[in-house]
N, C-alpha and C. Protein backbone atom coordinates (compact mmCIF):
# COMPACT_ATOMS: atom_id res chain seq x y z
N MET A 1 12.86 29.68 7.32
CA MET A 1 12.85 28.45 6.54
C MET A 1 11.59 28.41 5.64
N GLU A 2 11.79 28.10 4.41
CA GLU A 2 10.63 28.06 3.46
C GLU A 2 9.88 26.75 3.68
N ILE A 3 8.58 26.88 3.76
CA ILE A 3 7.73 25.68 3.93
C ILE A 3 6.99 25.46 2.60
N LEU A 4 7.07 24.28 2.11
CA LEU A 4 6.42 23.92 0.87
C LEU A 4 4.97 23.52 1.11
N SER A 5 4.09 23.89 0.20
CA SER A 5 2.75 23.34 0.23
C SER A 5 2.84 21.98 -0.49
N ILE A 6 1.82 21.15 -0.21
CA ILE A 6 1.88 19.78 -0.73
C ILE A 6 0.70 19.58 -1.70
N ILE A 7 1.02 19.07 -2.88
CA ILE A 7 0.00 18.68 -3.84
C ILE A 7 0.06 17.16 -3.98
N PHE A 8 -1.06 16.52 -3.50
CA PHE A 8 -1.02 15.05 -3.44
C PHE A 8 -1.25 14.40 -4.77
N LEU A 9 -0.46 13.40 -5.05
CA LEU A 9 -0.63 12.53 -6.17
C LEU A 9 -0.87 11.11 -5.64
N ARG A 10 -1.98 10.52 -5.97
CA ARG A 10 -2.15 9.11 -5.54
C ARG A 10 -1.10 8.29 -6.25
N SER A 11 -0.87 8.56 -7.47
CA SER A 11 0.18 7.89 -8.19
C SER A 11 0.48 8.69 -9.45
N ILE A 12 1.69 8.63 -9.87
CA ILE A 12 2.06 9.35 -11.11
C ILE A 12 1.22 8.86 -12.30
N ARG A 13 0.86 7.56 -12.28
CA ARG A 13 0.08 7.05 -13.42
C ARG A 13 -1.28 7.70 -13.54
N ARG A 14 -1.79 8.25 -12.43
CA ARG A 14 -3.11 8.90 -12.46
C ARG A 14 -2.99 10.26 -13.18
N THR A 15 -1.85 10.81 -13.35
CA THR A 15 -1.68 12.09 -13.96
C THR A 15 -1.30 12.01 -15.45
N ARG A 16 -1.24 10.82 -15.97
CA ARG A 16 -0.81 10.51 -17.33
C ARG A 16 0.69 10.63 -17.49
N SER A 17 1.25 11.65 -16.94
CA SER A 17 2.71 11.77 -17.07
C SER A 17 3.24 12.80 -16.06
N SER A 18 4.48 12.64 -15.63
CA SER A 18 5.06 13.60 -14.70
C SER A 18 5.26 14.94 -15.40
N ALA A 19 5.32 14.97 -16.76
CA ALA A 19 5.48 16.24 -17.47
C ALA A 19 4.22 17.08 -17.27
N TRP A 20 3.05 16.42 -17.35
CA TRP A 20 1.79 17.17 -17.10
C TRP A 20 1.78 17.75 -15.73
N THR A 21 2.25 16.95 -14.74
CA THR A 21 2.23 17.38 -13.33
C THR A 21 3.12 18.61 -13.18
N ARG A 22 4.33 18.60 -13.76
CA ARG A 22 5.22 19.71 -13.63
C ARG A 22 4.69 20.94 -14.31
N CYS A 23 4.00 20.74 -15.47
CA CYS A 23 3.40 21.91 -16.13
C CYS A 23 2.35 22.51 -15.28
N TRP A 24 1.51 21.70 -14.62
CA TRP A 24 0.46 22.21 -13.76
C TRP A 24 1.10 22.94 -12.57
N PHE A 25 2.19 22.40 -12.06
CA PHE A 25 2.87 23.01 -10.93
C PHE A 25 3.32 24.43 -11.30
N TRP A 26 3.99 24.58 -12.43
CA TRP A 26 4.54 25.90 -12.75
C TRP A 26 3.40 26.91 -13.04
N LEU A 27 2.31 26.45 -13.57
CA LEU A 27 1.19 27.37 -13.79
C LEU A 27 0.59 27.84 -12.48
N THR A 28 0.42 26.91 -11.56
CA THR A 28 -0.24 27.26 -10.28
C THR A 28 0.69 28.08 -9.38
N THR A 29 1.98 27.69 -9.34
CA THR A 29 2.89 28.44 -8.49
C THR A 29 3.14 29.84 -9.02
N ALA A 30 3.16 29.99 -10.32
CA ALA A 30 3.39 31.31 -10.87
C ALA A 30 2.25 32.28 -10.50
N ARG A 31 1.05 31.71 -10.40
CA ARG A 31 -0.11 32.53 -10.04
C ARG A 31 -0.27 32.78 -8.54
N SER A 32 0.06 31.77 -7.77
CA SER A 32 -0.16 31.87 -6.34
C SER A 32 1.07 32.22 -5.51
N ALA A 33 2.23 32.18 -6.11
CA ALA A 33 3.49 32.41 -5.39
C ALA A 33 3.62 31.49 -4.18
N CYS A 34 3.11 30.28 -4.36
CA CYS A 34 3.11 29.28 -3.22
C CYS A 34 4.00 28.10 -3.67
N PRO A 35 5.22 28.00 -3.12
CA PRO A 35 6.08 26.90 -3.49
C PRO A 35 5.50 25.53 -3.10
N SER A 36 5.58 24.57 -3.98
CA SER A 36 4.92 23.28 -3.77
C SER A 36 5.82 22.11 -4.09
N ALA A 37 5.48 20.99 -3.53
CA ALA A 37 6.12 19.70 -3.85
C ALA A 37 5.06 18.65 -3.95
N PHE A 38 5.42 17.52 -4.53
CA PHE A 38 4.43 16.48 -4.84
C PHE A 38 4.78 15.16 -4.23
N PRO A 39 4.09 14.68 -3.18
CA PRO A 39 4.31 13.33 -2.67
C PRO A 39 3.44 12.35 -3.39
N ALA A 40 4.01 11.24 -3.86
CA ALA A 40 3.22 10.18 -4.50
C ALA A 40 3.47 8.90 -3.71
N ALA A 41 2.38 8.34 -3.17
CA ALA A 41 2.52 7.23 -2.23
C ALA A 41 1.79 5.99 -2.74
N PRO A 42 2.14 4.84 -2.20
CA PRO A 42 1.40 3.61 -2.57
C PRO A 42 0.15 3.52 -1.69
N THR A 43 -0.41 2.36 -1.54
CA THR A 43 -1.62 2.15 -0.78
C THR A 43 -1.33 2.27 0.69
N THR A 44 -2.10 3.07 1.38
CA THR A 44 -1.91 3.31 2.81
C THR A 44 -2.80 2.45 3.69
N MET A 45 -2.22 1.89 4.76
CA MET A 45 -3.05 1.13 5.70
C MET A 45 -2.99 1.83 7.09
N GLY A 46 -4.04 1.65 7.87
CA GLY A 46 -4.08 2.27 9.17
C GLY A 46 -5.50 2.63 9.57
N ARG A 47 -5.60 3.44 10.60
CA ARG A 47 -6.91 3.78 11.14
C ARG A 47 -7.72 4.71 10.19
N THR A 48 -9.01 4.68 10.42
CA THR A 48 -10.02 5.55 9.73
C THR A 48 -10.01 5.44 8.20
N THR A 49 -9.58 4.31 7.65
CA THR A 49 -9.72 4.11 6.24
C THR A 49 -11.16 3.71 5.94
N PHE A 50 -11.77 4.26 4.94
CA PHE A 50 -13.16 4.01 4.65
C PHE A 50 -13.39 2.50 4.38
N PRO A 51 -14.47 1.93 4.90
CA PRO A 51 -14.69 0.48 4.84
C PRO A 51 -14.78 -0.13 3.46
N GLU A 52 -14.87 0.65 2.40
CA GLU A 52 -14.90 0.05 1.02
C GLU A 52 -13.52 -0.48 0.66
N LYS A 53 -12.45 0.04 1.27
CA LYS A 53 -11.07 -0.35 0.89
C LYS A 53 -10.75 -1.72 1.39
N LEU A 54 -9.74 -2.33 0.76
CA LEU A 54 -9.47 -3.75 0.96
C LEU A 54 -9.34 -4.15 2.42
N ILE A 55 -8.40 -3.56 3.16
CA ILE A 55 -8.14 -3.98 4.51
C ILE A 55 -9.31 -3.79 5.44
N PRO A 56 -9.91 -2.63 5.55
CA PRO A 56 -11.09 -2.53 6.43
C PRO A 56 -12.28 -3.36 5.99
N LEU A 57 -12.46 -3.52 4.66
CA LEU A 57 -13.54 -4.37 4.16
C LEU A 57 -13.38 -5.77 4.68
N MET A 58 -12.17 -6.31 4.59
CA MET A 58 -11.89 -7.67 5.00
C MET A 58 -12.03 -7.83 6.55
N ILE A 59 -11.58 -6.85 7.26
CA ILE A 59 -11.69 -6.90 8.73
C ILE A 59 -13.15 -6.89 9.14
N VAL A 60 -13.93 -5.98 8.59
CA VAL A 60 -15.37 -5.82 8.99
C VAL A 60 -16.12 -7.09 8.57
N ASN A 61 -15.92 -7.60 7.39
CA ASN A 61 -16.62 -8.83 6.96
C ASN A 61 -16.23 -10.03 7.82
N ALA A 62 -14.93 -10.16 8.05
CA ALA A 62 -14.47 -11.31 8.83
C ALA A 62 -15.02 -11.29 10.28
N LEU A 63 -15.10 -10.10 10.85
CA LEU A 63 -15.65 -10.02 12.20
C LEU A 63 -17.12 -10.45 12.26
N ALA A 64 -17.83 -10.28 11.13
CA ALA A 64 -19.22 -10.68 11.05
C ALA A 64 -19.38 -12.07 10.44
N ASP A 65 -18.23 -12.74 10.22
CA ASP A 65 -18.22 -14.09 9.61
C ASP A 65 -18.94 -14.08 8.23
N LYS A 66 -18.81 -12.96 7.54
CA LYS A 66 -19.32 -12.87 6.18
C LYS A 66 -18.22 -13.22 5.22
N SER A 67 -18.62 -13.59 3.98
CA SER A 67 -17.59 -13.94 2.98
C SER A 67 -16.75 -12.74 2.63
N LEU A 68 -15.53 -13.00 2.24
CA LEU A 68 -14.57 -11.97 1.85
C LEU A 68 -14.41 -11.94 0.35
N PRO A 69 -15.00 -11.01 -0.36
CA PRO A 69 -14.93 -10.98 -1.81
C PRO A 69 -13.53 -10.57 -2.29
N VAL A 70 -12.93 -11.45 -3.08
CA VAL A 70 -11.58 -11.20 -3.60
C VAL A 70 -11.60 -11.19 -5.10
N TYR A 71 -11.16 -10.11 -5.69
CA TYR A 71 -11.18 -9.99 -7.16
C TYR A 71 -10.21 -11.01 -7.77
N GLY A 72 -10.70 -11.66 -8.86
CA GLY A 72 -9.87 -12.62 -9.58
C GLY A 72 -9.35 -13.73 -8.71
N LYS A 73 -8.04 -13.94 -8.73
CA LYS A 73 -7.41 -14.93 -7.87
C LYS A 73 -6.66 -14.31 -6.70
N GLY A 74 -6.90 -13.00 -6.51
CA GLY A 74 -6.22 -12.32 -5.42
C GLY A 74 -4.74 -12.04 -5.67
N GLU A 75 -4.35 -12.03 -6.95
CA GLU A 75 -2.95 -11.90 -7.31
C GLU A 75 -2.49 -10.45 -7.55
N ASN A 76 -3.44 -9.50 -7.46
CA ASN A 76 -3.06 -8.09 -7.64
C ASN A 76 -2.12 -7.68 -6.52
N VAL A 77 -1.05 -7.00 -6.92
CA VAL A 77 0.03 -6.63 -5.95
C VAL A 77 -0.04 -5.17 -5.63
N ARG A 78 0.09 -4.82 -4.35
CA ARG A 78 0.17 -3.43 -3.92
C ARG A 78 1.32 -3.32 -2.93
N ASP A 79 1.89 -2.11 -2.92
CA ASP A 79 2.94 -1.80 -1.93
C ASP A 79 2.23 -1.03 -0.79
N TRP A 80 2.31 -1.57 0.41
CA TRP A 80 1.56 -1.02 1.54
C TRP A 80 2.45 -0.14 2.42
N LEU A 81 1.85 1.00 2.82
CA LEU A 81 2.58 1.98 3.64
C LEU A 81 1.75 2.31 4.86
N TYR A 82 2.29 2.18 6.06
CA TYR A 82 1.52 2.46 7.25
C TYR A 82 1.30 3.96 7.36
N VAL A 83 0.13 4.36 7.84
CA VAL A 83 -0.32 5.75 7.80
C VAL A 83 0.63 6.68 8.55
N GLU A 84 1.21 6.22 9.65
CA GLU A 84 2.09 7.09 10.40
C GLU A 84 3.41 7.34 9.64
N ASP A 85 3.85 6.32 8.89
CA ASP A 85 5.04 6.53 8.04
C ASP A 85 4.72 7.50 6.90
N HIS A 86 3.51 7.38 6.37
CA HIS A 86 3.10 8.27 5.28
C HIS A 86 3.08 9.72 5.81
N CYS A 87 2.52 9.97 6.99
CA CYS A 87 2.50 11.29 7.55
C CYS A 87 3.90 11.83 7.83
N ALA A 88 4.80 10.96 8.31
CA ALA A 88 6.14 11.40 8.57
C ALA A 88 6.86 11.83 7.31
N ALA A 89 6.61 11.09 6.21
CA ALA A 89 7.24 11.40 4.96
C ALA A 89 6.72 12.73 4.44
N ILE A 90 5.42 12.99 4.52
CA ILE A 90 4.85 14.22 4.11
C ILE A 90 5.43 15.39 4.89
N ASP A 91 5.51 15.24 6.21
CA ASP A 91 6.08 16.28 7.03
C ASP A 91 7.54 16.58 6.63
N LEU A 92 8.27 15.56 6.31
CA LEU A 92 9.71 15.76 5.90
C LEU A 92 9.76 16.51 4.56
N ILE A 93 8.92 16.14 3.64
CA ILE A 93 8.87 16.78 2.33
C ILE A 93 8.50 18.27 2.49
N VAL A 94 7.53 18.55 3.33
CA VAL A 94 7.13 19.95 3.59
C VAL A 94 8.28 20.77 4.08
N ARG A 95 9.04 20.20 5.01
CA ARG A 95 10.13 20.94 5.65
C ARG A 95 11.43 20.98 4.89
N LYS A 96 11.74 19.87 4.17
CA LYS A 96 13.06 19.78 3.54
C LYS A 96 13.05 19.46 2.05
N GLY A 97 11.87 19.23 1.50
CA GLY A 97 11.83 18.87 0.06
C GLY A 97 12.15 20.01 -0.82
N ARG A 98 12.54 19.71 -2.07
CA ARG A 98 12.87 20.73 -3.06
C ARG A 98 11.61 21.16 -3.84
N GLU A 99 11.51 22.42 -4.04
CA GLU A 99 10.36 22.98 -4.72
C GLU A 99 10.16 22.37 -6.12
N GLY A 100 8.92 21.94 -6.39
CA GLY A 100 8.61 21.43 -7.72
C GLY A 100 8.95 19.96 -7.94
N GLU A 101 9.52 19.30 -6.93
CA GLU A 101 9.96 17.91 -7.08
C GLU A 101 8.82 16.95 -6.69
N ILE A 102 8.86 15.77 -7.32
CA ILE A 102 7.95 14.68 -6.99
C ILE A 102 8.70 13.70 -6.16
N TYR A 103 8.19 13.34 -5.01
CA TYR A 103 8.82 12.35 -4.12
C TYR A 103 7.93 11.12 -3.98
N ASN A 104 8.43 10.00 -4.48
CA ASN A 104 7.74 8.72 -4.29
C ASN A 104 7.98 8.22 -2.88
N ILE A 105 6.88 7.90 -2.20
CA ILE A 105 6.97 7.41 -0.84
C ILE A 105 6.65 5.94 -0.84
N GLY A 106 7.65 5.09 -0.81
CA GLY A 106 7.42 3.64 -0.90
C GLY A 106 7.47 2.97 0.48
N GLY A 107 6.63 1.91 0.59
CA GLY A 107 6.56 1.22 1.87
C GLY A 107 7.51 0.00 1.96
N HIS A 108 8.05 -0.45 0.81
CA HIS A 108 8.88 -1.66 0.78
C HIS A 108 8.07 -2.86 1.29
N ASN A 109 6.77 -2.86 1.08
CA ASN A 109 5.88 -3.88 1.61
C ASN A 109 4.96 -4.44 0.53
N GLU A 110 5.50 -4.89 -0.58
CA GLU A 110 4.66 -5.40 -1.65
C GLU A 110 4.07 -6.74 -1.23
N ARG A 111 2.75 -6.85 -1.40
CA ARG A 111 2.02 -8.09 -1.10
C ARG A 111 0.90 -8.28 -2.09
N THR A 112 0.55 -9.52 -2.41
CA THR A 112 -0.66 -9.74 -3.19
C THR A 112 -1.85 -9.52 -2.26
N ASN A 113 -3.04 -9.24 -2.90
CA ASN A 113 -4.21 -9.07 -2.08
C ASN A 113 -4.51 -10.29 -1.24
N LEU A 114 -4.24 -11.49 -1.80
CA LEU A 114 -4.54 -12.71 -1.08
C LEU A 114 -3.62 -12.82 0.15
N GLN A 115 -2.36 -12.42 0.03
CA GLN A 115 -1.45 -12.42 1.17
C GLN A 115 -1.94 -11.49 2.27
N VAL A 116 -2.43 -10.31 1.86
CA VAL A 116 -2.97 -9.31 2.82
C VAL A 116 -4.16 -9.91 3.58
N ILE A 117 -5.05 -10.54 2.80
CA ILE A 117 -6.28 -11.04 3.41
C ILE A 117 -5.95 -12.19 4.34
N LYS A 118 -5.07 -13.06 3.98
CA LYS A 118 -4.68 -14.17 4.89
C LYS A 118 -4.04 -13.65 6.19
N ALA A 119 -3.27 -12.59 6.05
CA ALA A 119 -2.67 -11.97 7.26
C ALA A 119 -3.72 -11.42 8.18
N ILE A 120 -4.77 -10.81 7.62
CA ILE A 120 -5.87 -10.28 8.41
C ILE A 120 -6.61 -11.41 9.13
N LEU A 121 -6.91 -12.48 8.38
CA LEU A 121 -7.62 -13.63 8.96
C LEU A 121 -6.81 -14.24 10.11
N LYS A 122 -5.52 -14.33 9.94
CA LYS A 122 -4.66 -14.85 10.97
C LYS A 122 -4.74 -14.00 12.25
N GLU A 123 -4.69 -12.67 12.08
CA GLU A 123 -4.76 -11.74 13.22
C GLU A 123 -6.07 -11.89 13.97
N LEU A 124 -7.14 -12.13 13.22
CA LEU A 124 -8.49 -12.22 13.78
C LEU A 124 -8.83 -13.61 14.25
N GLY A 125 -8.00 -14.60 13.91
CA GLY A 125 -8.32 -15.97 14.24
C GLY A 125 -9.48 -16.52 13.49
N LYS A 126 -9.64 -16.09 12.24
CA LYS A 126 -10.75 -16.48 11.40
C LYS A 126 -10.29 -17.46 10.30
N PRO A 127 -11.19 -18.35 9.83
CA PRO A 127 -10.78 -19.37 8.86
C PRO A 127 -10.65 -18.80 7.47
N GLU A 128 -9.77 -19.39 6.67
CA GLU A 128 -9.56 -18.92 5.29
C GLU A 128 -10.69 -19.34 4.36
N ASN A 129 -11.61 -20.21 4.83
CA ASN A 129 -12.74 -20.58 3.96
C ASN A 129 -13.77 -19.45 3.85
N LEU A 130 -13.56 -18.33 4.54
CA LEU A 130 -14.41 -17.17 4.36
C LEU A 130 -14.07 -16.49 3.03
N ILE A 131 -12.92 -16.74 2.44
CA ILE A 131 -12.52 -16.13 1.17
C ILE A 131 -13.39 -16.59 0.02
N ARG A 132 -13.91 -15.62 -0.72
CA ARG A 132 -14.73 -15.98 -1.91
C ARG A 132 -14.20 -15.20 -3.12
N PHE A 133 -13.73 -15.92 -4.11
CA PHE A 133 -13.19 -15.26 -5.31
C PHE A 133 -14.33 -14.81 -6.21
N VAL A 134 -14.26 -13.55 -6.65
CA VAL A 134 -15.31 -13.00 -7.49
C VAL A 134 -14.69 -12.48 -8.79
N THR A 135 -15.53 -12.25 -9.78
CA THR A 135 -15.06 -11.80 -11.08
C THR A 135 -14.33 -10.46 -10.91
N ASP A 136 -13.15 -10.42 -11.57
CA ASP A 136 -12.31 -9.24 -11.46
C ASP A 136 -12.93 -8.06 -12.23
N ARG A 137 -12.54 -6.87 -11.77
CA ARG A 137 -13.00 -5.67 -12.49
C ARG A 137 -12.23 -5.53 -13.81
N PRO A 138 -12.91 -5.06 -14.89
CA PRO A 138 -12.23 -4.84 -16.16
C PRO A 138 -11.10 -3.82 -16.03
N GLY A 139 -9.93 -4.15 -16.53
CA GLY A 139 -8.82 -3.19 -16.47
C GLY A 139 -8.21 -3.03 -15.09
N HIS A 140 -8.50 -3.92 -14.17
CA HIS A 140 -7.95 -3.81 -12.82
C HIS A 140 -6.44 -3.96 -12.84
N ASP A 141 -5.72 -2.97 -12.31
CA ASP A 141 -4.23 -3.00 -12.32
C ASP A 141 -3.70 -4.23 -11.60
N ARG A 142 -2.75 -4.93 -12.25
CA ARG A 142 -2.21 -6.10 -11.64
C ARG A 142 -1.20 -5.76 -10.53
N ARG A 143 -0.51 -4.62 -10.71
CA ARG A 143 0.53 -4.28 -9.74
C ARG A 143 0.74 -2.78 -9.69
N TYR A 144 0.83 -2.23 -8.48
CA TYR A 144 1.27 -0.86 -8.29
C TYR A 144 2.74 -0.95 -7.74
N ALA A 145 3.65 -0.29 -8.46
CA ALA A 145 5.05 -0.31 -7.99
C ALA A 145 5.55 1.13 -7.89
N ILE A 146 6.33 1.37 -6.93
CA ILE A 146 6.84 2.73 -6.70
C ILE A 146 8.30 2.67 -6.30
N ASP A 147 9.08 3.57 -6.82
CA ASP A 147 10.54 3.59 -6.53
C ASP A 147 10.82 4.79 -5.60
N PRO A 148 11.12 4.54 -4.32
CA PRO A 148 11.33 5.62 -3.37
C PRO A 148 12.80 6.04 -3.23
N THR A 149 13.60 5.75 -4.24
CA THR A 149 15.03 6.04 -4.14
C THR A 149 15.32 7.52 -3.84
N LYS A 150 14.57 8.41 -4.52
CA LYS A 150 14.86 9.85 -4.34
C LYS A 150 14.66 10.33 -2.94
N ILE A 151 13.52 9.94 -2.31
CA ILE A 151 13.27 10.47 -0.96
C ILE A 151 14.28 9.87 0.05
N ARG A 152 14.73 8.67 -0.25
CA ARG A 152 15.75 8.07 0.66
C ARG A 152 17.09 8.77 0.50
N LYS A 153 17.52 9.00 -0.76
CA LYS A 153 18.80 9.62 -0.98
C LYS A 153 18.86 11.09 -0.60
N GLU A 154 17.76 11.80 -0.99
CA GLU A 154 17.79 13.27 -0.75
C GLU A 154 17.41 13.68 0.67
N LEU A 155 16.42 12.98 1.25
CA LEU A 155 15.86 13.38 2.53
C LEU A 155 16.13 12.40 3.65
N GLY A 156 16.68 11.24 3.30
CA GLY A 156 17.02 10.23 4.30
C GLY A 156 15.86 9.53 4.88
N TRP A 157 14.71 9.50 4.16
CA TRP A 157 13.54 8.88 4.71
C TRP A 157 13.41 7.41 4.34
N GLU A 158 13.05 6.61 5.33
CA GLU A 158 12.70 5.20 5.16
C GLU A 158 11.48 4.89 5.99
N PRO A 159 10.63 4.00 5.53
CA PRO A 159 9.48 3.62 6.35
C PRO A 159 9.94 2.88 7.62
N ALA A 160 9.29 3.15 8.73
CA ALA A 160 9.67 2.57 9.98
C ALA A 160 8.85 1.31 10.34
N THR A 161 7.77 1.08 9.64
CA THR A 161 6.82 0.04 10.00
C THR A 161 6.82 -1.09 8.98
N ARG A 162 7.09 -2.30 9.47
CA ARG A 162 7.02 -3.52 8.61
C ARG A 162 5.56 -3.82 8.35
N PHE A 163 5.29 -4.50 7.24
CA PHE A 163 3.93 -4.85 6.87
C PHE A 163 3.22 -5.62 8.04
N GLU A 164 3.91 -6.57 8.62
CA GLU A 164 3.31 -7.41 9.66
C GLU A 164 2.90 -6.54 10.85
N ASP A 165 3.72 -5.54 11.21
CA ASP A 165 3.37 -4.68 12.33
C ASP A 165 2.25 -3.74 11.97
N GLY A 166 2.26 -3.23 10.75
CA GLY A 166 1.19 -2.33 10.29
C GLY A 166 -0.16 -3.01 10.29
N ILE A 167 -0.19 -4.28 9.86
CA ILE A 167 -1.45 -5.04 9.86
C ILE A 167 -1.94 -5.25 11.29
N LYS A 168 -1.06 -5.59 12.17
CA LYS A 168 -1.43 -5.78 13.58
C LYS A 168 -2.06 -4.51 14.16
N ARG A 169 -1.38 -3.40 13.94
CA ARG A 169 -1.90 -2.11 14.47
C ARG A 169 -3.24 -1.72 13.85
N THR A 170 -3.37 -2.01 12.54
CA THR A 170 -4.58 -1.64 11.84
C THR A 170 -5.75 -2.47 12.36
N VAL A 171 -5.56 -3.80 12.42
CA VAL A 171 -6.61 -4.65 12.96
C VAL A 171 -6.99 -4.25 14.35
N LYS A 172 -6.02 -3.94 15.18
CA LYS A 172 -6.27 -3.54 16.57
C LYS A 172 -7.14 -2.30 16.62
N TRP A 173 -6.85 -1.35 15.76
CA TRP A 173 -7.63 -0.09 15.74
C TRP A 173 -9.10 -0.38 15.39
N TYR A 174 -9.35 -1.24 14.38
CA TYR A 174 -10.71 -1.52 14.02
C TYR A 174 -11.46 -2.31 15.08
N LEU A 175 -10.74 -3.14 15.81
CA LEU A 175 -11.35 -3.90 16.93
C LEU A 175 -11.74 -2.95 18.05
N GLU A 176 -10.93 -1.92 18.26
CA GLU A 176 -11.14 -1.02 19.41
C GLU A 176 -12.03 0.21 19.08
N ASN A 177 -12.36 0.33 17.78
CA ASN A 177 -13.18 1.50 17.38
C ASN A 177 -14.36 1.08 16.53
N ARG A 178 -15.10 0.09 17.00
CA ARG A 178 -16.26 -0.39 16.27
C ARG A 178 -17.31 0.66 15.98
N PRO A 179 -17.67 1.55 16.97
CA PRO A 179 -18.66 2.58 16.66
C PRO A 179 -18.38 3.42 15.45
N TRP A 180 -17.07 3.68 15.19
CA TRP A 180 -16.69 4.50 14.03
C TRP A 180 -17.15 3.83 12.71
N TRP A 181 -16.78 2.57 12.56
CA TRP A 181 -17.06 1.92 11.26
C TRP A 181 -18.47 1.29 11.23
N GLU A 182 -19.04 0.91 12.37
CA GLU A 182 -20.39 0.37 12.39
C GLU A 182 -21.41 1.43 11.94
N HIS A 183 -21.17 2.68 12.31
CA HIS A 183 -22.03 3.73 11.86
C HIS A 183 -22.03 3.86 10.34
N ILE A 184 -20.90 3.63 9.71
CA ILE A 184 -20.76 3.75 8.26
C ILE A 184 -21.40 2.55 7.56
N VAL A 185 -21.04 1.33 7.98
CA VAL A 185 -21.46 0.16 7.23
C VAL A 185 -22.93 -0.16 7.43
N ASN A 186 -23.57 0.40 8.43
CA ASN A 186 -25.00 0.14 8.63
C ASN A 186 -25.92 1.11 7.89
N GLY A 187 -25.34 2.02 7.12
CA GLY A 187 -26.15 2.99 6.40
C GLY A 187 -26.20 2.69 4.90
N GLU A 188 -26.07 3.74 4.05
CA GLU A 188 -26.18 3.60 2.63
C GLU A 188 -25.04 2.76 2.08
N TYR A 189 -24.01 2.57 2.83
CA TYR A 189 -22.88 1.75 2.39
C TYR A 189 -23.33 0.34 1.95
N GLN A 190 -24.39 -0.20 2.56
CA GLN A 190 -24.87 -1.53 2.18
C GLN A 190 -25.34 -1.56 0.75
N GLN A 191 -25.93 -0.51 0.30
CA GLN A 191 -26.39 -0.43 -1.12
C GLN A 191 -25.20 -0.41 -2.05
N TYR A 192 -24.17 0.36 -1.66
CA TYR A 192 -22.93 0.39 -2.46
C TYR A 192 -22.31 -1.01 -2.53
N TYR A 193 -22.25 -1.67 -1.36
CA TYR A 193 -21.64 -2.98 -1.27
C TYR A 193 -22.37 -4.00 -2.21
N ALA A 194 -23.70 -3.93 -2.21
CA ALA A 194 -24.48 -4.81 -3.06
C ALA A 194 -24.22 -4.57 -4.52
N ARG A 195 -24.06 -3.29 -4.88
CA ARG A 195 -23.77 -2.98 -6.30
C ARG A 195 -22.38 -3.49 -6.69
N MET A 196 -21.40 -3.40 -5.80
CA MET A 196 -20.06 -3.76 -6.12
C MET A 196 -19.85 -5.27 -6.19
N TYR A 197 -20.49 -6.05 -5.28
CA TYR A 197 -20.16 -7.49 -5.11
C TYR A 197 -21.38 -8.41 -5.29
N GLY A 198 -22.58 -7.85 -5.40
CA GLY A 198 -23.76 -8.71 -5.38
C GLY A 198 -23.87 -9.68 -6.56
N ASN A 199 -23.45 -9.25 -7.75
CA ASN A 199 -23.63 -10.09 -8.93
C ASN A 199 -22.34 -10.62 -9.49
N ARG A 200 -21.28 -10.71 -8.67
CA ARG A 200 -19.98 -11.19 -9.19
C ARG A 200 -19.78 -12.66 -8.86
């Protein structure tokens, strides 16, 4: 059985166009003789996500009763995919995907940032008055959307985890693994945090 190597795309929009991606694929495969496929996924939630990202940032701040900085009005929309579903999709693409194809891995879990943050606060039993709206970043994408029709029709893949369950599992992991993230947020990360949110 032929095993495909995986070339990760955070999103097709990051590559300017799928045509550029396919061109790069043919150049690299011709030289390496290594068959490849391209998974493109939405925003992933789950364990060991670096604390600068939305979900762990809000969990860590809420646990310390610190304000939760939310860009703009919190209306930016993301499709969330639980990490174990993401891994399962990649495994399936490696084993059964077609060479040179791009497979969008969708979570079917679109939520605004504000909805995500309120769900986290609810899980932690923290008040919503911790939310602090800050000036949005210039050019901040309002919505990431992904169509996973191909991976469903060709490979039979569907995400197994609902947003609500993924959030519960993610919050639980951060509660049970404080040493992992405390080591990070107590170091140089504080300088980064001040640069990102201090003057907004």
